[in-house]
Structure formats: C-alpha cells, structure tokens
C-alpha atoms as a PDB file:
ATOM      1  CA  UNK A   1     114.630 256.666  18.008  1.00  0.00           C
ATOM      2  CA  UNK A   2     112.477 254.173  16.077  1.00  0.00           C
ATOM      3  CA  UNK A   3     110.976 255.427  12.818  1.00  0.00           C
ATOM      4  CA  UNK A   4     107.970 253.071  13.071  1.00  0.00           C
ATOM      5  CA  UNK A   5     105.000 252.424  15.298  1.00  0.00           C
ATOM      6  CA  UNK A   6     103.387 249.148  16.381  1.00  0.00           C
ATOM      7  CA  UNK A   7      99.604 248.990  16.779  1.00  0.00           C
ATOM      8  CA  UNK A   8      97.869 245.826  18.161  1.00  0.00           C
ATOM      9  CA  UNK A   9      94.249 245.444  16.907  1.00  0.00           C
ATOM     10  CA  UNK A  10      91.873 242.335  15.903  1.00  0.00           C
ATOM     11  CA  UNK A  11      90.196 241.292  13.194  1.00  0.00           C
ATOM     12  CA  UNK A  12      87.563 238.496  12.087  1.00  0.00           C
ATOM     13  CA  UNK A  13      87.580 235.055  10.677  1.00  0.00           C
ATOM     14  CA  UNK A  14      84.491 233.355  10.490  1.00  0.00           C
ATOM     15  CA  UNK A  15      83.104 235.486  13.386  1.00  0.00           C
ATOM     16  CA  UNK A  16      86.077 234.586  15.448  1.00  0.00           C
ATOM     17  CA  UNK A  17      88.535 237.235  16.641  1.00  0.00           C
ATOM     18  CA  UNK A  18      92.099 237.164  15.608  1.00  0.00           C
ATOM     19  CA  UNK A  19      94.716 238.987  17.415  1.00  0.00           C
ATOM     20  CA  UNK A  20      97.280 240.967  15.331  1.00  0.00           C
ATOM     21  CA  UNK A  21     100.239 243.665  15.459  1.00  0.00           C
ATOM     22  CA  UNK A  22     101.113 245.860  12.807  1.00  0.00           C
ATOM     23  CA  UNK A  23     104.859 247.473  12.739  1.00  0.00           C
ATOM     24  CA  UNK A  24     104.129 250.539  10.418  1.00  0.00           C
ATOM     25  CA  UNK A  25     107.053 252.908   9.258  1.00  0.00           C
ATOM     26  CA  UNK A  26     106.689 256.287   8.954  1.00  0.00           C
ATOM     27  CA  UNK A  27     107.475 256.342   5.277  1.00  0.00           C
ATOM     28  CA  UNK A  28     106.175 252.806   4.185  1.00  0.00           C
ATOM     29  CA  UNK A  29     106.932 250.687   1.246  1.00  0.00           C
ATOM     30  CA  UNK A  30     104.221 249.478  -1.059  1.00  0.00           C
ATOM     31  CA  UNK A  31     104.697 246.139  -0.720  1.00  0.00           C
ATOM     32  CA  UNK A  32     104.460 244.757   3.237  1.00  0.00           C
ATOM     33  CA  UNK A  33     105.335 241.566   4.599  1.00  0.00           C
ATOM     34  CA  UNK A  34     102.578 239.289   6.533  1.00  0.00           C
ATOM     35  CA  UNK A  35     104.135 236.837   8.686  1.00  0.00           C
ATOM     36  CA  UNK A  36     102.421 233.749   9.079  1.00  0.00           C
ATOM     37  CA  UNK A  37     103.213 231.647  12.300  1.00  0.00           C
ATOM     38  CA  UNK A  38     103.753 227.893  12.443  1.00  0.00           C
ATOM     39  CA  UNK A  39     102.141 225.950  15.122  1.00  0.00           C
ATOM     40  CA  UNK A  40     102.471 225.328  17.908  1.00  0.00           C
ATOM     41  CA  UNK A  41     103.505 229.314  18.308  1.00  0.00           C
ATOM     42  CA  UNK A  42     101.953 232.421  18.563  1.00  0.00           C
ATOM     43  CA  UNK A  43     102.837 235.888  16.685  1.00  0.00           C
ATOM     44  CA  UNK A  44     106.228 236.486  19.037  1.00  0.00           C
ATOM     45  CA  UNK A  45     107.771 233.415  17.793  1.00  0.00           C
ATOM     46  CA  UNK A  46     110.444 231.433  19.428  1.00  0.00           C
ATOM     47  CA  UNK A  47     112.948 233.500  21.221  1.00  0.00           C
ATOM     48  CA  UNK A  48     110.746 236.599  19.846  1.00  0.00           C
ATOM     49  CA  UNK A  49     111.982 235.886  16.694  1.00  0.00           C
ATOM     50  CA  UNK A  50     108.894 237.301  14.784  1.00  0.00           C
ATOM     51  CA  UNK A  51     108.691 240.307  16.925  1.00  0.00           C
ATOM     52  CA  UNK A  52     112.494 240.960  15.974  1.00  0.00           C
ATOM     53  CA  UNK A  53     111.927 240.432  12.377  1.00  0.00           C
ATOM     54  CA  UNK A  54     108.813 242.584  12.136  1.00  0.00           C
ATOM     55  CA  UNK A  55     110.655 245.252  13.648  1.00  0.00           C
ATOM     56  CA  UNK A  56     113.620 244.966  11.456  1.00  0.00           C
ATOM     57  CA  UNK A  57     111.355 245.162   8.306  1.00  0.00           C
ATOM     58  CA  UNK A  58     109.762 248.144   9.662  1.00  0.00           C
ATOM     59  CA  UNK A  59     112.806 249.936  10.345  1.00  0.00           C
ATOM     60  CA  UNK A  60     113.568 249.384   6.693  1.00  0.00           C
ATOM     61  CA  UNK A  61     110.343 250.871   5.677  1.00  0.00           C
ATOM     62  CA  UNK A  62     108.550 247.495   5.138  1.00  0.00           C
ATOM     63  CA  UNK A  63     105.027 247.326   6.673  1.00  0.00           C
ATOM     64  CA  UNK A  64     104.740 244.081   8.681  1.00  0.00           C
ATOM     65  CA  UNK A  65     102.005 242.361  10.297  1.00  0.00           C
ATOM     66  CA  UNK A  66     101.918 239.325  12.522  1.00  0.00           C
ATOM     67  CA  UNK A  67      98.960 237.498  13.960  1.00  0.00           C
ATOM     68  CA  UNK A  68      97.669 234.377  15.462  1.00  0.00           C
ATOM     69  CA  UNK A  69      95.693 231.656  13.806  1.00  0.00           C
ATOM     70  CA  UNK A  70      92.348 230.764  14.997  1.00  0.00           C
ATOM     71  CA  UNK A  71      92.692 228.655  18.375  1.00  0.00           C
ATOM     72  CA  UNK A  72      96.382 230.125  19.321  1.00  0.00           C
ATOM     73  CA  UNK A  73      97.816 232.716  21.211  1.00  0.00           C
ATOM     74  CA  UNK A  74      95.293 235.547  21.829  1.00  0.00           C
ATOM     75  CA  UNK A  75      92.934 234.283  18.908  1.00  0.00           C
ATOM     76  CA  UNK A  76      89.260 233.151  19.319  1.00  0.00           C
ATOM     77  CA  UNK A  77      88.072 229.958  17.602  1.00  0.00           C
ATOM     78  CA  UNK A  78      88.995 226.290  16.890  1.00  0.00           C
ATOM     79  CA  UNK A  79      92.852 225.537  16.207  1.00  0.00           C
ATOM     80  CA  UNK A  80      93.494 224.153  12.505  1.00  0.00           C
ATOM     81  CA  UNK A  81      96.430 222.578  11.319  1.00  0.00           C
ATOM     82  CA  UNK A  82      98.718 224.158   8.558  1.00  0.00           C
ATOM     83  CA  UNK A  83      96.620 223.046   5.471  1.00  0.00           C
ATOM     84  CA  UNK A  84      93.114 223.935   6.644  1.00  0.00           C
ATOM     85  CA  UNK A  85      94.526 227.847   7.572  1.00  0.00           C
ATOM     86  CA  UNK A  86      93.348 229.495   3.903  1.00  0.00           C
ATOM     87  CA  UNK A  87      90.643 231.414   5.688  1.00  0.00           C
ATOM     88  CA  UNK A  88      92.704 232.815   8.516  1.00  0.00           C
ATOM     89  CA  UNK A  89      95.299 234.081   5.978  1.00  0.00           C
ATOM     90  CA  UNK A  90      92.848 235.402   3.730  1.00  0.00           C
ATOM     91  CA  UNK A  91      91.295 237.486   6.605  1.00  0.00           C
ATOM     92  CA  UNK A  92      94.856 238.460   7.652  1.00  0.00           C
ATOM     93  CA  UNK A  93      95.649 239.789   4.140  1.00  0.00           C
ATOM     94  CA  UNK A  94      92.237 241.647   4.048  1.00  0.00           C
ATOM     95  CA  UNK A  95      92.827 243.134   7.528  1.00  0.00           C
ATOM     96  CA  UNK A  96      96.315 244.136   6.339  1.00  0.00           C
ATOM     97  CA  UNK A  97      95.279 246.011   3.484  1.00  0.00           C
ATOM     98  CA  UNK A  98      92.482 247.619   5.408  1.00  0.00           C
ATOM     99  CA  UNK A  99      95.067 248.956   8.128  1.00  0.00           C
ATOM    100  CA  UNK A 100      97.580 249.968   5.498  1.00  0.00           C
ATOM    101  CA  UNK A 101      96.457 252.231   2.729  1.00  0.00           C
ATOM    102  CA  UNK A 102      99.355 252.591   0.678  1.00  0.00           C
ATOM    103  CA  UNK A 103      99.692 248.785   0.360  1.00  0.00           C
ATOM    104  CA  UNK A 104      99.695 247.510  -3.173  1.00  0.00           C
ATOM    105  CA  UNK A 105     100.997 244.031  -2.644  1.00  0.00           C
ATOM    106  CA  UNK A 106     101.894 241.464  -0.001  1.00  0.00           C
ATOM    107  CA  UNK A 107     104.922 239.098   0.973  1.00  0.00           C
ATOM    108  CA  UNK A 108     103.957 236.054   3.139  1.00  0.00           C
ATOM    109  CA  UNK A 109     106.700 234.989   5.541  1.00  0.00           C
ATOM    110  CA  UNK A 110     106.880 231.325   6.914  1.00  0.00           C
ATOM    111  CA  UNK A 111     108.919 229.040   8.964  1.00  0.00           C
ATOM    112  CA  UNK A 112     108.367 225.381   8.902  1.00  0.00           C
ATOM    113  CA  UNK A 113     104.646 224.479   8.247  1.00  0.00           C
ATOM    114  CA  UNK A 114     103.616 228.095   8.026  1.00  0.00           C
ATOM    115  CA  UNK A 115     105.876 228.174   4.821  1.00  0.00           C
ATOM    116  CA  UNK A 116     104.056 225.255   3.829  1.00  0.00           C
ATOM    117  CA  UNK A 117     100.603 226.895   4.484  1.00  0.00           C
ATOM    118  CA  UNK A 118     101.902 230.148   2.640  1.00  0.00           C
ATOM    119  CA  UNK A 119     102.709 227.879  -0.545  1.00  0.00           C
ATOM    120  CA  UNK A 120      99.038 226.422  -0.681  1.00  0.00           C
ATOM    121  CA  UNK A 121      97.586 229.906  -0.202  1.00  0.00           C
ATOM    122  CA  UNK A 122      99.680 232.351  -2.100  1.00  0.00           C
ATOM    123  CA  UNK A 123      98.608 231.054  -5.792  1.00  0.00           C
ATOM    124  CA  UNK A 124      94.930 231.670  -4.659  1.00  0.00           C
ATOM    125  CA  UNK A 125      95.450 235.486  -4.085  1.00  0.00           C
ATOM    126  CA  UNK A 126      96.702 238.082  -6.719  1.00  0.00           C
ATOM    127  CA  UNK A 127      97.559 240.222  -3.856  1.00  0.00           C
ATOM    128  CA  UNK A 128     100.388 238.261  -3.048  1.00  0.00           C
ATOM    129  CA  UNK A 129     103.757 238.900  -4.913  1.00  0.00           C
ATOM    130  CA  UNK A 130     106.340 236.784  -3.152  1.00  0.00           C
ATOM    131  CA  UNK A 131     107.050 234.046  -0.451  1.00  0.00           C
ATOM    132  CA  UNK A 132     109.696 233.969   2.033  1.00  0.00           C
ATOM    133  CA  UNK A 133     109.982 230.135   2.962  1.00  0.00           C
ATOM    134  CA  UNK A 134     112.128 229.199   6.020  1.00  0.00           C
ATOM    135  CA  UNK A 135     113.010 225.665   6.301  1.00  0.00           C
ATOM    136  CA  UNK A 136     109.669 224.460   4.717  1.00  0.00           C
ATOM    137  CA  UNK A 137     107.985 221.597   6.178  1.00  0.00           C
ATOM    138  CA  UNK A 138     107.542 218.449   3.663  1.00  0.00           C
ATOM    139  CA  UNK A 139     107.341 215.922   6.240  1.00  0.00           C
ATOM    140  CA  UNK A 140     106.178 212.230   5.557  1.00  0.00           C
ATOM    141  CA  UNK A 141     106.516 209.305   7.955  1.00  0.00           C
ATOM    142  CA  UNK A 142     108.928 207.786   5.165  1.00  0.00           C
ATOM    143  CA  UNK A 143     110.976 210.998   4.489  1.00  0.00           C
ATOM    144  CA  UNK A 144     111.276 211.664   8.002  1.00  0.00           C
ATOM    145  CA  UNK A 145     112.390 208.220   8.706  1.00  0.00           C
ATOM    146  CA  UNK A 146     114.932 208.427   5.872  1.00  0.00           C
ATOM    147  CA  UNK A 147     116.135 211.739   6.962  1.00  0.00           C
ATOM    148  CA  UNK A 148     116.893 210.537  10.668  1.00  0.00           C
ATOM    149  CA  UNK A 149     118.934 207.583   9.221  1.00  0.00           C
ATOM    150  CA  UNK A 150     120.949 209.769   6.605  1.00  0.00           C
ATOM    151  CA  UNK A 151     121.620 212.931   8.614  1.00  0.00           C
ATOM    152  CA  UNK A 152     121.245 211.686  12.353  1.00  0.00           C
ATOM    153  CA  UNK A 153     122.346 208.024  12.783  1.00  0.00           C
ATOM    154  CA  UNK A 154     125.165 208.209  10.374  1.00  0.00           C
ATOM    155  CA  UNK A 155     126.391 211.462  12.162  1.00  0.00           C
ATOM    156  CA  UNK A 156     126.525 209.708  15.156  1.00  0.00           C
ATOM    157  CA  UNK A 157     129.100 206.846  14.209  1.00  0.00           C
ATOM    158  CA  UNK A 158     131.633 209.848  14.321  1.00  0.00           C
ATOM    159  CA  UNK A 159     130.306 211.614  17.545  1.00  0.00           C
ATOM    160  CA  UNK A 160     133.023 211.437  20.302  1.00  0.00           C
ATOM    161  CA  UNK A 161     130.224 212.079  22.779  1.00  0.00           C
ATOM    162  CA  UNK A 162     128.663 208.662  21.890  1.00  0.00           C
ATOM    163  CA  UNK A 163     131.848 206.699  22.141  1.00  0.00           C
ATOM    164  CA  UNK A 164     132.333 208.357  25.737  1.00  0.00           C
ATOM    165  CA  UNK A 165     128.982 207.138  26.791  1.00  0.00           C
ATOM    166  CA  UNK A 166     129.833 203.481  25.175  1.00  0.00           C
ATOM    167  CA  UNK A 167     133.285 203.151  26.959  1.00  0.00           C
ATOM    168  CA  UNK A 168     131.475 204.449  30.203  1.00  0.00           C
ATOM    169  CA  UNK A 169     128.755 201.907  29.819  1.00  0.00           C
ATOM    170  CA  UNK A 170     126.080 204.829  29.707  1.00  0.00           C
ATOM    171  CA  UNK A 171     124.995 204.107  26.656  1.00  0.00           C
ATOM    172  CA  UNK A 172     121.423 203.101  26.194  1.00  0.00           C
ATOM    173  CA  UNK A 173     121.555 200.105  23.502  1.00  0.00           C
ATOM    174  CA  UNK A 174     117.868 199.135  23.817  1.00  0.00           C
ATOM    175  CA  UNK A 175     116.141 202.259  23.101  1.00  0.00           C
ATOM    176  CA  UNK A 176     118.935 203.257  20.393  1.00  0.00           C
ATOM    177  CA  UNK A 177     118.375 199.930  18.599  1.00  0.00           C
ATOM    178  CA  UNK A 178     114.698 200.343  18.786  1.00  0.00           C
ATOM    179  CA  UNK A 179     114.637 203.701  17.272  1.00  0.00           C
ATOM    180  CA  UNK A 180     117.163 202.626  14.651  1.00  0.00           C
ATOM    181  CA  UNK A 181     115.005 199.680  13.414  1.00  0.00           C
ATOM    182  CA  UNK A 182     111.909 201.757  13.931  1.00  0.00           C
ATOM    183  CA  UNK A 183     113.373 204.264  11.531  1.00  0.00           C
ATOM    184  CA  UNK A 184     114.274 201.716   9.101  1.00  0.00           C
ATOM    185  CA  UNK A 185     110.933 200.316   9.028  1.00  0.00           C
ATOM    186  CA  UNK A 186     109.180 203.384   8.148  1.00  0.00           C
ATOM    187  CA  UNK A 187     111.557 204.219   5.508  1.00  0.00           C
ATOM    188  CA  UNK A 188     110.631 201.412   3.910  1.00  0.00           C
ATOM    189  CA  UNK A 189     107.000 201.834   3.786  1.00  0.00           C
ATOM    190  CA  UNK A 190     104.991 202.974   0.893  1.00  0.00           C
ATOM    191  CA  UNK A 191     102.860 205.974   0.883  1.00  0.00           C
ATOM    192  CA  UNK A 192      99.105 205.511   0.424  1.00  0.00           C
ATOM    193  CA  UNK A 193      98.440 205.506  -3.266  1.00  0.00           C
ATOM    194  CA  UNK A 194      95.202 207.535  -3.173  1.00  0.00           C
ATOM    195  CA  UNK A 195      97.078 210.490  -1.409  1.00  0.00           C
ATOM    196  CA  UNK A 196      99.465 212.933  -3.285  1.00  0.00           C
ATOM    197  CA  UNK A 197     102.467 213.256  -0.771  1.00  0.00           C
ATOM    198  CA  UNK A 198     102.837 216.618   1.025  1.00  0.00           C
ATOM    199  CA  UNK A 199     106.139 217.499  -1.206  1.00  0.00           C
ATOM    200  CA  UNK A 200     104.201 216.938  -4.312  1.00  0.00           C
ATOM    201  CA  UNK A 201     101.295 219.090  -3.227  1.00  0.00           C
ATOM    202  CA  UNK A 202     103.311 221.663  -2.245  1.00  0.00           C
ATOM    203  CA  UNK A 203     105.405 221.763  -5.556  1.00  0.00           C
ATOM    204  CA  UNK A 204     102.196 221.900  -7.734  1.00  0.00           C
ATOM    205  CA  UNK A 205     100.964 224.880  -5.621  1.00  0.00           C
ATOM    206  CA  UNK A 206     104.350 226.619  -5.592  1.00  0.00           C
ATOM    207  CA  UNK A 207     104.560 225.893  -9.411  1.00  0.00           C
ATOM    208  CA  UNK A 208     101.027 227.674  -9.931  1.00  0.00           C
ATOM    209  CA  UNK A 209     102.296 230.766  -8.000  1.00  0.00           C
ATOM    210  CA  UNK A 210     103.197 233.562 -10.375  1.00  0.00           C
ATOM    211  CA  UNK A 211     105.432 235.484  -8.124  1.00  0.00           C
ATOM    212  CA  UNK A 212     108.620 235.495  -6.604  1.00  0.00           C
ATOM    213  CA  UNK A 213     110.230 233.308  -3.716  1.00  0.00           C
ATOM    214  CA  UNK A 214     112.963 233.414  -1.323  1.00  0.00           C
ATOM    215  CA  UNK A 215     114.048 230.190   0.123  1.00  0.00           C
ATOM    216  CA  UNK A 216     116.053 230.150   3.231  1.00  0.00           C
ATOM    217  CA  UNK A 217     117.623 226.859   4.640  1.00  0.00           C
ATOM    218  CA  UNK A 218     119.313 225.995   7.846  1.00  0.00           C
ATOM    219  CA  UNK A 219     122.398 224.011   7.820  1.00  0.00           C
ATOM    220  CA  UNK A 220     121.852 222.349  11.225  1.00  0.00           C
ATOM    221  CA  UNK A 221     118.181 221.233  10.927  1.00  0.00           C
ATOM    222  CA  UNK A 222     116.667 217.838  10.203  1.00  0.00           C
ATOM    223  CA  UNK A 223     113.457 219.647   8.637  1.00  0.00           C
ATOM    224  CA  UNK A 224     115.551 221.424   6.177  1.00  0.00           C
ATOM    225  CA  UNK A 225     117.469 218.223   5.527  1.00  0.00           C
ATOM    226  CA  UNK A 226     114.201 216.596   4.683  1.00  0.00           C
ATOM    227  CA  UNK A 227     113.143 219.294   2.540  1.00  0.00           C
ATOM    228  CA  UNK A 228     116.649 218.960   0.475  1.00  0.00           C
ATOM    229  CA  UNK A 229     116.318 215.225   0.051  1.00  0.00           C
ATOM    230  CA  UNK A 230     112.871 215.574  -1.212  1.00  0.00           C
ATOM    231  CA  UNK A 231     114.061 217.957  -3.836  1.00  0.00           C
ATOM    232  CA  UNK A 232     116.930 216.049  -4.746  1.00  0.00           C
ATOM    233  CA  UNK A 233     114.555 213.048  -5.322  1.00  0.00           C
ATOM    234  CA  UNK A 234     112.321 215.028  -7.753  1.00  0.00           C
ATOM    235  CA  UNK A 235     113.550 216.438 -11.187  1.00  0.00           C
ATOM    236  CA  UNK A 236     110.501 218.751 -10.898  1.00  0.00           C
ATOM    237  CA  UNK A 237     111.378 219.996  -7.620  1.00  0.00           C
ATOM    238  CA  UNK A 238     114.837 220.524  -8.780  1.00  0.00           C
ATOM    239  CA  UNK A 239     113.610 222.320 -12.045  1.00  0.00           C
ATOM    240  CA  UNK A 240     111.343 224.378 -10.105  1.00  0.00           C
ATOM    241  CA  UNK A 241     114.247 225.812  -7.531  1.00  0.00           C
ATOM    242  CA  UNK A 242     116.474 226.218 -10.261  1.00  0.00           C
ATOM    243  CA  UNK A 243     114.131 228.866 -12.005  1.00  0.00           C
ATOM    244  CA  UNK A 244     114.731 232.684 -11.911  1.00  0.00           C
ATOM    245  CA  UNK A 245     111.726 233.036  -9.622  1.00  0.00           C
ATOM    246  CA  UNK A 246     113.542 231.444  -6.910  1.00  0.00           C
ATOM    247  CA  UNK A 247     116.400 232.664  -4.761  1.00  0.00           C
ATOM    248  CA  UNK A 248     118.033 230.320  -2.188  1.00  0.00           C
ATOM    249  CA  UNK A 249     119.925 231.210   0.706  1.00  0.00           C
ATOM    250  CA  UNK A 250     121.716 228.895   3.295  1.00  0.00           C
ATOM    251  CA  UNK A 251     122.885 229.530   6.675  1.00  0.00           C
ATOM    252  CA  UNK A 252     125.475 226.878   7.316  1.00  0.00           C
ATOM    253  CA  UNK A 253     125.544 226.438  11.047  1.00  0.00           C
ATOM    254  CA  UNK A 254     121.953 227.771  11.775  1.00  0.00           C
ATOM    255  CA  UNK A 255     119.159 225.633  13.865  1.00  0.00           C
ATOM    256  CA  UNK A 256     115.581 225.509  12.839  1.00  0.00           C
ATOM    257  CA  UNK A 257     114.402 228.581  14.410  1.00  0.00           C
ATOM    258  CA  UNK A 258     117.539 230.769  13.686  1.00  0.00           C
ATOM    259  CA  UNK A 259     117.989 231.045  17.563  1.00  0.00           C
ATOM    260  CA  UNK A 260     120.953 233.156  17.732  1.00  0.00           C
ATOM    261  CA  UNK A 261     121.348 237.040  17.107  1.00  0.00           C
ATOM    262  CA  UNK A 262     124.047 236.664  14.086  1.00  0.00           C
ATOM    263  CA  UNK A 263     121.398 234.010  12.624  1.00  0.00           C
ATOM    264  CA  UNK A 264     118.341 236.049  13.035  1.00  0.00           C
ATOM    265  CA  UNK A 265     119.920 239.335  11.713  1.00  0.00           C
ATOM    266  CA  UNK A 266     121.067 237.657   8.696  1.00  0.00           C
ATOM    267  CA  UNK A 267     117.500 236.340   7.763  1.00  0.00           C
ATOM    268  CA  UNK A 268     116.163 239.662   8.338  1.00  0.00           C
ATOM    269  CA  UNK A 269     118.722 241.244   5.991  1.00  0.00           C
ATOM    270  CA  UNK A 270     118.038 238.944   3.423  1.00  0.00           C
ATOM    271  CA  UNK A 271     114.188 239.454   3.640  1.00  0.00           C
ATOM    272  CA  UNK A 272     114.430 243.183   3.582  1.00  0.00           C
ATOM    273  CA  UNK A 273     116.822 243.218   0.639  1.00  0.00           C
ATOM    274  CA  UNK A 274     114.812 240.762  -1.320  1.00  0.00           C
ATOM    275  CA  UNK A 275     111.530 242.630  -0.659  1.00  0.00           C
ATOM    276  CA  UNK A 276     112.689 245.809  -1.721  1.00  0.00           C
ATOM    277  CA  UNK A 277     113.896 244.236  -5.112  1.00  0.00           C
ATOM    278  CA  UNK A 278     110.445 242.784  -5.807  1.00  0.00           C
END
C-alpha cells in the first residue's frame, strides 16, 4: 500500500494554464523536488522516467511536483526554448508552495536542457535550496563537433560491427566521409565573439547559486561527454565542480535518459539520499 497520493491540477503562467501532478507523502519532508522537463518531452518523461522518479521520492517522504512547460504536453500557450522558461519555472515553484503547506525549500531536478534551465533560474529564487543536474546540456556547434570526433568517430575504429560492414561492402563511405569532415569543419569554427558561450553562461549562473548541487552523469552519452569536455577545458568550471557544494555521481554504462530500471533506481536513490541530507 503506497504512502502517498497523486493529485493532478493546473496553474497559470501569464494567463496560460499549465498541467501539473503533485505526489504528496502522508508525512512530508520540508524540502520538495520540482522536476523540470527538458524538451521536447512532457511530464511523464521518456519511458515514464519522471513519473517513476516522482513516486520514488514521494515514497521516501519527499513531496514531488512535475509539470509541462507552456506549449508542451497538456499545457496551453506558446512553446519556449530552455533558456526562456524562467516564468514557467517561477509559476511552478509558486504553485508547489501553494499546494504543499509544509514546504520550506525546493530542489530543482532537470535532465539535459532542463538542467541548464534550472541553473539559469536557481540563483534568482531564494526558495531554491538545491539542484539535481542530470547530463546537463552545454551544446555549441563547435563543442558538439569536437565531441563527435573524440567520442564517436574514434570509437568506431575499434568497432567490430564497422569492420564487418567494410568486409561485406555494406559500409556507406560517402555519407560517413561527409559527416566526418563536416564535424572537422565545425570543430575548427570560432564561436561568435559577441556571444557568451552556453557553457560559460551556465558556469556563471551556477557560481551565483548559493545552494548545493548534485551532478549525475551517464557514461554512455554524448551530451554528458560534451559537458565533461567543456569542464576539462575550463579551470573555472573545474574549480566550481571541485567545491564542497557540488557532489558528482557517475553511472558508467547508463545512456542519456537512464532507460533501464537499474539506472533509474540508482538515480532515484542518489536523489533521495542527497535531498534528505540538505
């Protein structure tokens, strides 16, 4: 018999109705978790990831709310990209506190570009005590190309499946060569000088956040590899992640969305333990 209830409701963001589900324990912790959904997804997540995470947190006594941005899932309004959803997140935090009277602080949980959105928002709201950042999105055209060259094309050299294709004559040389040299060209390009690159924008905002962060990285994910490469290229990023306010956890075999039950359960366990220690 479960020790929590789930309630569906809606709240407003600039007159648009947003859909949400609150998982509320019978005896609730003072810190709740707001799951921010990356795009293009809705509040259930890939393979029901966010539904299951929310229920695991509630079973552990941690209130959890998940919702759809404007323009996604069952929410109204125009869709906004991840660095334009501050109003959506603020409205969701307001709604969370309104529906959970014992709430004192909230942790923002985000995967991919939702992690990036959480970083952009957190330092602007004193009610946010922590961030759980799963495979944060730091993608730039140059960073993506370098990651593909380093972690994709080099790995293919030792891939037996590739050599079997070569021997059988089924390998598509034309498209493979085109993709390889396209990646080389992008990797050599310089970022626009007037724009602060996404990784640096994220670092600046994360440095300004006074709370703690749990960083979860998958071992089998190019988004996570691109994040790690961006960190390695920046002393400031390395100093930030080595500080006491950041805890890093790595799942060596996991893919981007933690698609197996083993991986999902591990992420939920890390999240529960970390939130309770805040």
